[in-house]
Amino acid sequence: MNSAAWRRALWIALFVNAAFFVAEIVAGAAAGSAALQADALDFFGDAANYAISLGVAGAALAWRARAALAKGATLIAFALWVLGSTGWYAFYGTLPRADVMGAIGVAALLANGGVALLLYRFRIGDANMRSVWICSRNDALGNLTVMFAALGVLGTGTGWPDVIVATIMGGLGLSGGSQIVAQARRELGAGRVVAADVAAR
């Protein structure tokens, strides 16, 4: 699919994710929050994914599936990084700033909620289109859990809610990446079958 509406939605999503990557990586480092930094890297991955999607939006299905496969693998890699860094925060018992987490979480949720609504109509399609929807959905869910983590840190006076939320976000990344990779591989397999059938004729 290469409609003007699809490309416009992708450009908006790309801009929002790039802007919030910068905001969250700075805020996460300042606040000592594993959840915010995990969300920031997710924003970075999504911005790159949207850029790839724009590049292959009008390409053949096989190329779109290959791009989706790369995006799924990237999402899985980011999720593993998140889980590893979360373990580091848990080991050292850091206490993040709940006020910064909450403020950034609210702003990011509003932005990603708008992007998710914008892309909702494109949630059913090939692996490349579906991957864009999954990334946007995971972003909005991640922002919501960051807000819950901020409340938990404020209420308990410990960093464990931040660690728990970062772990959940890592799980979402693994799940979303696995779904994208599975559908992309199916589409690539179907393409090979069709190509072989054509060559046999």
Protein backbone atom coordinates (compact mmCIF):
# COMPACT_ATOMS: atom_id res chain seq x y z
CA MET A 1 0.00 0.00 0.00
CA ASN A 2 1.40 3.40 -0.95
CA SER A 3 -1.52 5.78 -0.49
CA ALA A 4 -1.02 9.41 0.45
CA ALA A 5 -2.91 8.82 3.73
CA TRP A 6 -0.63 5.92 4.66
CA ARG A 7 2.56 7.86 3.96
CA ARG A 8 1.27 10.96 5.77
CA ALA A 9 0.45 8.87 8.84
CA LEU A 10 3.93 7.36 8.78
CA TRP A 11 5.62 10.76 8.57
CA ILE A 12 3.63 11.99 11.60
CA ALA A 13 4.49 8.82 13.52
CA LEU A 14 8.17 9.20 12.60
CA PHE A 15 8.30 12.81 13.82
CA VAL A 16 6.53 12.04 17.12
CA ASN A 17 8.74 9.04 17.90
CA ALA A 18 11.99 10.85 17.06
CA ALA A 19 11.04 13.81 19.26
CA PHE A 20 10.04 11.66 22.23
CA PHE A 21 13.16 9.51 21.92
CA VAL A 22 15.26 12.60 22.65
CA ALA A 23 12.93 13.75 25.44
CA GLU A 24 12.77 10.39 27.20
CA ILE A 25 16.43 9.46 26.93
CA VAL A 26 17.35 12.76 28.60
CA ALA A 27 14.57 12.58 31.19
CA GLY A 28 15.20 8.90 31.90
CA ALA A 29 18.90 9.49 32.57
CA ALA A 30 18.12 12.51 34.76
CA ALA A 31 15.42 10.68 36.72
CA GLY A 32 17.32 7.38 37.01
CA SER A 33 14.35 5.51 35.57
CA ALA A 34 14.78 2.14 33.81
CA ALA A 35 11.23 2.34 32.49
CA LEU A 36 11.73 5.77 30.89
CA GLN A 37 15.01 4.78 29.28
CA ALA A 38 13.44 1.56 28.00
CA ASP A 39 10.59 3.57 26.52
CA ALA A 40 13.08 5.99 24.95
CA LEU A 41 14.88 3.19 23.14
CA ASP A 42 11.52 1.86 21.99
CA PHE A 43 10.79 5.30 20.53
CA PHE A 44 14.14 5.19 18.72
CA GLY A 45 13.43 1.75 17.31
CA ASP A 46 9.97 2.79 16.16
CA ALA A 47 11.28 5.94 14.47
CA ALA A 48 13.74 3.81 12.52
CA ASN A 49 10.98 1.34 11.69
CA TYR A 50 8.71 4.07 10.35
CA ALA A 51 11.56 5.38 8.21
CA ILE A 52 12.06 1.89 6.76
CA SER A 53 8.32 1.55 6.16
CA LEU A 54 8.29 4.81 4.22
CA GLY A 55 11.12 3.50 2.07
CA VAL A 56 9.34 0.24 1.15
CA ALA A 57 5.70 1.41 1.18
CA GLY A 58 5.37 1.01 -2.60
CA ALA A 59 7.70 -1.99 -2.97
CA ALA A 60 6.77 -5.58 -3.79
CA LEU A 61 5.41 -7.82 -1.02
CA ALA A 62 8.72 -9.72 -0.70
CA TRP A 63 10.65 -6.51 0.02
CA ARG A 64 8.01 -5.32 2.50
CA ALA A 65 8.21 -8.68 4.24
CA ARG A 66 12.02 -8.46 4.43
CA ALA A 67 11.76 -4.97 5.95
CA ALA A 68 9.21 -6.26 8.48
CA LEU A 69 11.56 -9.14 9.32
CA ALA A 70 14.36 -6.65 10.05
CA LYS A 71 12.02 -4.52 12.14
CA GLY A 72 10.85 -7.53 14.15
CA ALA A 73 14.43 -8.59 14.83
CA THR A 74 15.29 -5.02 15.93
CA LEU A 75 12.32 -4.98 18.30
CA ILE A 76 13.44 -8.27 19.83
CA ALA A 77 17.00 -6.94 20.23
CA PHE A 78 15.76 -3.79 21.98
CA ALA A 79 13.59 -5.90 24.27
CA LEU A 80 16.57 -8.03 25.30
CA TRP A 81 18.59 -4.85 25.98
CA VAL A 82 15.75 -3.51 28.14
CA LEU A 83 15.60 -6.70 30.18
CA GLY A 84 19.38 -6.67 30.67
CA SER A 85 19.51 -3.03 31.78
CA THR A 86 16.52 -3.56 34.05
CA GLY A 87 18.44 -6.31 35.81
CA TRP A 88 21.26 -3.81 36.41
CA TYR A 89 18.86 -1.29 37.97
CA ALA A 90 17.32 -4.01 40.15
CA PHE A 91 20.75 -5.15 41.37
CA TYR A 92 21.86 -1.65 42.40
CA GLY A 93 18.47 -0.66 43.84
CA THR A 94 18.23 2.82 42.30
CA LEU A 95 15.35 5.12 43.26
CA PRO A 96 13.99 7.04 40.25
CA ARG A 97 12.23 10.42 40.41
CA ALA A 98 8.51 9.73 40.29
CA ASP A 99 7.56 13.30 39.34
CA VAL A 100 9.69 13.25 36.17
CA MET A 101 8.45 9.76 35.25
CA GLY A 102 4.81 10.81 35.63
CA ALA A 103 5.10 14.05 33.67
CA ILE A 104 6.96 12.48 30.74
CA GLY A 105 4.67 9.44 30.81
CA VAL A 106 1.54 11.59 30.48
CA ALA A 107 2.98 13.64 27.60
CA ALA A 108 4.18 10.53 25.77
CA LEU A 109 0.83 8.77 26.26
CA LEU A 110 -1.08 11.68 24.73
CA ALA A 111 1.28 11.78 21.76
CA ASN A 112 1.29 8.03 21.17
CA GLY A 113 -2.45 7.73 21.72
CA GLY A 114 -2.93 10.15 18.84
CA VAL A 115 -0.49 8.24 16.64
CA ALA A 116 -2.17 4.91 17.46
CA LEU A 117 -5.58 6.32 16.52
CA LEU A 118 -4.11 7.70 13.31
CA LEU A 119 -2.70 4.28 12.36
CA TYR A 120 -5.67 2.20 13.59
CA ARG A 121 -7.21 1.98 10.12
CA PHE A 122 -4.00 0.41 8.82
CA ARG A 123 -3.74 -2.32 11.50
CA ILE A 124 -4.89 -5.08 9.10
CA GLY A 125 -2.63 -5.69 6.12
CA ASP A 126 0.73 -7.19 5.24
CA ALA A 127 3.51 -7.76 7.79
CA ASN A 128 5.00 -4.31 7.16
CA MET A 129 1.72 -2.48 7.82
CA ARG A 130 0.90 -4.66 10.81
CA SER A 131 4.34 -4.07 12.31
CA VAL A 132 3.73 -0.31 12.27
CA TRP A 133 0.45 -0.76 14.12
CA ILE A 134 2.01 -3.13 16.67
CA CYS A 135 4.82 -0.67 17.38
CA SER A 136 2.35 2.18 17.94
CA ARG A 137 0.11 0.05 20.14
CA ASN A 138 3.08 -1.07 22.26
CA ASP A 139 4.22 2.55 22.65
CA ALA A 140 0.85 3.63 24.06
CA LEU A 141 0.73 0.65 26.44
CA GLY A 142 4.32 1.36 27.50
CA ASN A 143 3.53 4.99 28.30
CA LEU A 144 0.56 3.91 30.42
CA THR A 145 2.69 1.48 32.41
CA VAL A 146 5.36 4.17 32.97
CA MET A 147 2.66 6.29 34.62
CA PHE A 148 1.68 3.38 36.87
CA ALA A 149 5.34 2.88 37.73
CA ALA A 150 5.63 6.54 38.75
CA LEU A 151 2.66 6.13 41.08
CA GLY A 152 4.18 2.95 42.47
CA VAL A 153 7.55 4.58 43.13
CA LEU A 154 5.83 7.52 44.80
CA GLY A 155 3.67 5.26 46.95
CA THR A 156 6.28 2.70 48.01
CA GLY A 157 9.42 4.81 48.11
CA THR A 158 11.32 2.07 46.26
CA GLY A 159 12.47 1.53 42.67
CA TRP A 160 10.78 -1.85 42.28
CA PRO A 161 7.69 -0.54 40.44
CA ASP A 162 10.06 1.01 37.86
CA VAL A 163 11.89 -2.32 37.47
CA ILE A 164 8.64 -4.27 37.15
CA VAL A 165 7.29 -1.93 34.47
CA ALA A 166 10.54 -2.05 32.51
CA THR A 167 10.30 -5.86 32.59
CA ILE A 168 6.72 -5.70 31.26
CA MET A 169 7.84 -3.40 28.46
CA GLY A 170 10.61 -5.83 27.57
CA GLY A 171 8.02 -8.60 27.41
CA LEU A 172 5.82 -6.52 25.12
CA GLY A 173 8.77 -5.93 22.82
CA LEU A 174 9.56 -9.65 22.66
CA SER A 175 5.92 -10.51 21.95
CA GLY A 176 5.46 -7.83 19.29
CA GLY A 177 8.76 -8.63 17.60
CA SER A 178 7.94 -12.33 17.52
CA GLN A 179 4.55 -11.66 15.91
CA ILE A 180 6.13 -9.48 13.23
CA VAL A 181 8.89 -12.00 12.46
CA ALA A 182 6.41 -14.89 12.28
CA GLN A 183 4.12 -13.11 9.78
CA ALA A 184 7.05 -11.87 7.69
CA ARG A 185 8.47 -15.37 7.43
CA ARG A 186 5.08 -16.72 6.36
CA GLU A 187 4.84 -14.07 3.64
CA LEU A 188 8.38 -14.75 2.45
CA GLY A 189 7.61 -18.48 2.37
CA ALA A 190 4.45 -17.89 0.37
CA GLY A 191 6.40 -15.71 -2.06
CA ARG A 192 8.95 -18.45 -2.61
CA VAL A 193 6.20 -20.97 -3.33
CA VAL A 194 4.62 -18.65 -5.89
CA ALA A 195 8.01 -17.94 -7.53
CA ALA A 196 8.80 -21.65 -7.73
CA ASP A 197 5.38 -22.38 -9.25
CA VAL A 198 5.86 -19.67 -11.88
CA ALA A 199 9.36 -20.95 -12.72
CA ALA A 200 8.04 -24.52 -13.10
CA ARG A 201 5.56 -23.41 -15.73
